[in-house]
Amino acid sequence: MIYKVYYQNDNKRNPKREDTHSLYLDAPTEVEARALVEEHTDHNIEFIEAIEGKTLAYEQENPNYKLTEFGE
């Protein structure tokens, strides 16, 4: 399943909508997606959304769409 993870770069500051970023991640479950991001980054995760079907197709049309892969 592909997940879109909304996050702030810095987990020490209060979140601001203008500073929200996103990444795309392939993971079996939302819990595992969260664990991967928490293990490999210092991001402050705001929300994780499963995307599929037409929503995924739409996101893939964006030139910035790229699946994030973390080295193990």
N, C-alpha and C. Protein backbone atom coordinates (compact mmCIF):
# COMPACT_ATOMS: atom_id res chain seq x y z
N MET A 1 0.86 -1.17 0.00
CA MET A 1 0.00 0.00 0.00
C MET A 1 0.90 1.23 0.00
N ILE A 2 0.49 2.25 -0.72
CA ILE A 2 1.22 3.51 -0.75
C ILE A 2 0.59 4.46 0.27
N TYR A 3 1.44 5.09 1.07
CA TYR A 3 0.99 6.04 2.08
C TYR A 3 1.60 7.40 1.81
N LYS A 4 0.80 8.42 1.99
CA LYS A 4 1.28 9.80 1.91
C LYS A 4 1.42 10.28 3.35
N VAL A 5 2.64 10.65 3.71
CA VAL A 5 2.94 11.06 5.07
C VAL A 5 3.14 12.57 5.09
N TYR A 6 2.30 13.26 5.83
CA TYR A 6 2.43 14.71 6.01
C TYR A 6 3.27 14.94 7.26
N TYR A 7 4.26 15.82 7.15
CA TYR A 7 5.17 16.02 8.28
C TYR A 7 5.74 17.43 8.30
N GLN A 8 6.30 17.77 9.46
CA GLN A 8 7.10 18.97 9.65
C GLN A 8 8.56 18.51 9.77
N ASN A 9 9.47 19.30 9.21
CA ASN A 9 10.89 18.92 9.27
C ASN A 9 11.42 18.89 10.69
N ASP A 10 10.93 19.76 11.53
CA ASP A 10 11.47 19.93 12.87
C ASP A 10 10.43 19.54 13.90
N ASN A 11 10.77 18.61 14.77
CA ASN A 11 9.81 18.20 15.79
C ASN A 11 9.95 18.99 17.08
N LYS A 12 10.79 20.01 17.08
CA LYS A 12 10.99 20.82 18.28
C LYS A 12 10.17 22.11 18.24
N ARG A 13 9.63 22.50 17.08
CA ARG A 13 8.85 23.72 16.95
C ARG A 13 7.37 23.38 16.78
N ASN A 14 6.54 24.35 17.08
CA ASN A 14 5.10 24.16 16.86
C ASN A 14 4.84 24.02 15.37
N PRO A 15 3.98 23.09 14.98
CA PRO A 15 3.67 22.92 13.55
C PRO A 15 2.99 24.14 12.96
N LYS A 16 3.36 24.46 11.73
CA LYS A 16 2.71 25.51 10.96
C LYS A 16 2.30 24.92 9.63
N ARG A 17 1.08 25.17 9.24
CA ARG A 17 0.56 24.61 8.00
C ARG A 17 1.47 24.93 6.82
N GLU A 18 2.03 26.13 6.79
CA GLU A 18 2.88 26.55 5.68
C GLU A 18 4.16 25.72 5.58
N ASP A 19 4.56 25.08 6.67
CA ASP A 19 5.79 24.29 6.70
C ASP A 19 5.54 22.80 6.55
N THR A 20 4.32 22.40 6.24
CA THR A 20 4.01 20.99 6.09
C THR A 20 4.56 20.46 4.76
N HIS A 21 5.24 19.34 4.83
CA HIS A 21 5.77 18.66 3.66
C HIS A 21 5.12 17.28 3.58
N SER A 22 5.37 16.58 2.49
CA SER A 22 4.85 15.22 2.38
C SER A 22 5.85 14.33 1.68
N LEU A 23 5.73 13.04 1.97
CA LEU A 23 6.52 12.03 1.29
C LEU A 23 5.62 10.84 1.04
N TYR A 24 6.02 10.02 0.09
CA TYR A 24 5.25 8.83 -0.28
C TYR A 24 6.07 7.62 0.11
N LEU A 25 5.40 6.64 0.68
CA LEU A 25 6.07 5.48 1.23
C LEU A 25 5.27 4.23 0.92
N ASP A 26 5.97 3.18 0.51
CA ASP A 26 5.33 1.89 0.29
C ASP A 26 5.56 1.04 1.53
N ALA A 27 4.48 0.67 2.21
CA ALA A 27 4.58 -0.13 3.43
C ALA A 27 3.35 -1.01 3.55
N PRO A 28 3.47 -2.13 4.26
CA PRO A 28 2.33 -3.04 4.41
C PRO A 28 1.16 -2.44 5.19
N THR A 29 1.46 -1.64 6.22
CA THR A 29 0.40 -1.05 7.05
C THR A 29 0.77 0.38 7.42
N GLU A 30 -0.22 1.13 7.88
CA GLU A 30 0.02 2.50 8.35
C GLU A 30 0.96 2.51 9.55
N VAL A 31 0.81 1.54 10.42
CA VAL A 31 1.67 1.45 11.61
C VAL A 31 3.13 1.27 11.19
N GLU A 32 3.36 0.40 10.21
CA GLU A 32 4.73 0.18 9.74
C GLU A 32 5.27 1.40 9.00
N ALA A 33 4.42 2.11 8.28
CA ALA A 33 4.84 3.34 7.62
C ALA A 33 5.30 4.36 8.65
N ARG A 34 4.52 4.53 9.72
CA ARG A 34 4.89 5.46 10.79
C ARG A 34 6.21 5.03 11.43
N ALA A 35 6.36 3.75 11.70
CA ALA A 35 7.58 3.26 12.34
C ALA A 35 8.80 3.52 11.46
N LEU A 36 8.68 3.34 10.16
CA LEU A 36 9.80 3.60 9.25
C LEU A 36 10.22 5.06 9.28
N VAL A 37 9.25 5.96 9.22
CA VAL A 37 9.57 7.39 9.23
C VAL A 37 10.18 7.77 10.57
N GLU A 38 9.62 7.30 11.65
CA GLU A 38 10.14 7.64 12.97
C GLU A 38 11.54 7.08 13.18
N GLU A 39 11.82 5.91 12.64
CA GLU A 39 13.12 5.27 12.81
C GLU A 39 14.22 5.97 12.01
N HIS A 40 13.87 6.50 10.84
CA HIS A 40 14.89 7.02 9.93
C HIS A 40 14.94 8.54 9.82
N THR A 41 14.04 9.25 10.49
CA THR A 41 14.05 10.72 10.40
C THR A 41 13.73 11.33 11.75
N ASP A 42 13.85 12.65 11.81
CA ASP A 42 13.44 13.40 12.99
C ASP A 42 12.16 14.18 12.71
N HIS A 43 11.44 13.78 11.67
CA HIS A 43 10.23 14.49 11.26
C HIS A 43 9.14 14.39 12.33
N ASN A 44 8.35 15.45 12.40
CA ASN A 44 7.17 15.48 13.25
C ASN A 44 5.99 15.08 12.35
N ILE A 45 5.53 13.86 12.47
CA ILE A 45 4.47 13.35 11.61
C ILE A 45 3.13 13.95 12.02
N GLU A 46 2.45 14.55 11.06
CA GLU A 46 1.13 15.13 11.31
C GLU A 46 0.01 14.16 10.99
N PHE A 47 0.14 13.49 9.84
CA PHE A 47 -0.96 12.64 9.37
C PHE A 47 -0.42 11.65 8.35
N ILE A 48 -0.97 10.45 8.33
CA ILE A 48 -0.62 9.45 7.33
C ILE A 48 -1.89 9.02 6.64
N GLU A 49 -1.86 9.06 5.32
CA GLU A 49 -3.05 8.77 4.52
C GLU A 49 -2.73 7.66 3.51
N ALA A 50 -3.53 6.60 3.50
CA ALA A 50 -3.39 5.56 2.49
C ALA A 50 -3.98 6.09 1.18
N ILE A 51 -3.24 5.93 0.09
CA ILE A 51 -3.76 6.38 -1.20
C ILE A 51 -3.72 5.22 -2.19
N GLU A 52 -4.78 5.15 -2.98
CA GLU A 52 -4.89 4.09 -3.99
C GLU A 52 -5.86 4.54 -5.06
N GLY A 53 -5.95 3.77 -6.12
CA GLY A 53 -6.91 4.04 -7.19
C GLY A 53 -6.69 5.38 -7.86
N LYS A 54 -7.77 6.12 -8.05
CA LYS A 54 -7.71 7.41 -8.75
C LYS A 54 -6.87 8.43 -7.98
N THR A 55 -6.92 8.37 -6.68
CA THR A 55 -6.13 9.30 -5.87
C THR A 55 -4.64 9.06 -6.10
N LEU A 56 -4.23 7.80 -6.10
CA LEU A 56 -2.84 7.46 -6.35
C LEU A 56 -2.44 7.88 -7.77
N ALA A 57 -3.28 7.61 -8.75
CA ALA A 57 -2.99 7.99 -10.13
C ALA A 57 -2.80 9.50 -10.23
N TYR A 58 -3.63 10.27 -9.54
CA TYR A 58 -3.51 11.72 -9.54
C TYR A 58 -2.18 12.16 -8.92
N GLU A 59 -1.85 11.59 -7.78
CA GLU A 59 -0.58 11.94 -7.11
C GLU A 59 0.61 11.59 -7.99
N GLN A 60 0.54 10.47 -8.71
CA GLN A 60 1.66 10.04 -9.55
C GLN A 60 1.88 10.96 -10.75
N GLU A 61 0.88 11.76 -11.12
CA GLU A 61 1.02 12.72 -12.20
C GLU A 61 1.86 13.93 -11.78
N ASN A 62 1.99 14.16 -10.48
CA ASN A 62 2.78 15.27 -9.96
C ASN A 62 4.26 14.99 -10.23
N PRO A 63 4.98 15.96 -10.80
CA PRO A 63 6.41 15.73 -11.09
C PRO A 63 7.25 15.50 -9.83
N ASN A 64 6.75 15.89 -8.68
CA ASN A 64 7.48 15.69 -7.42
C ASN A 64 7.19 14.34 -6.77
N TYR A 65 6.33 13.54 -7.39
CA TYR A 65 5.99 12.23 -6.82
C TYR A 65 7.21 11.31 -6.90
N LYS A 66 7.60 10.78 -5.77
CA LYS A 66 8.72 9.83 -5.70
C LYS A 66 8.54 9.01 -4.43
N LEU A 67 8.63 7.71 -4.55
CA LEU A 67 8.56 6.87 -3.36
C LEU A 67 9.84 7.02 -2.56
N THR A 68 9.71 7.23 -1.27
CA THR A 68 10.85 7.34 -0.39
C THR A 68 11.25 5.94 0.05
N GLU A 69 12.55 5.67 -0.05
CA GLU A 69 13.08 4.38 0.41
C GLU A 69 14.15 4.67 1.46
N PHE A 70 14.04 4.01 2.59
CA PHE A 70 15.00 4.17 3.65
C PHE A 70 15.97 2.99 3.61
N GLY A 71 17.27 3.27 3.71
CA GLY A 71 18.26 2.19 3.78
C GLY A 71 18.16 1.48 5.11
N GLU A 72 18.25 0.21 5.06
CA GLU A 72 18.13 -0.57 6.29
C GLU A 72 19.47 -0.70 6.98
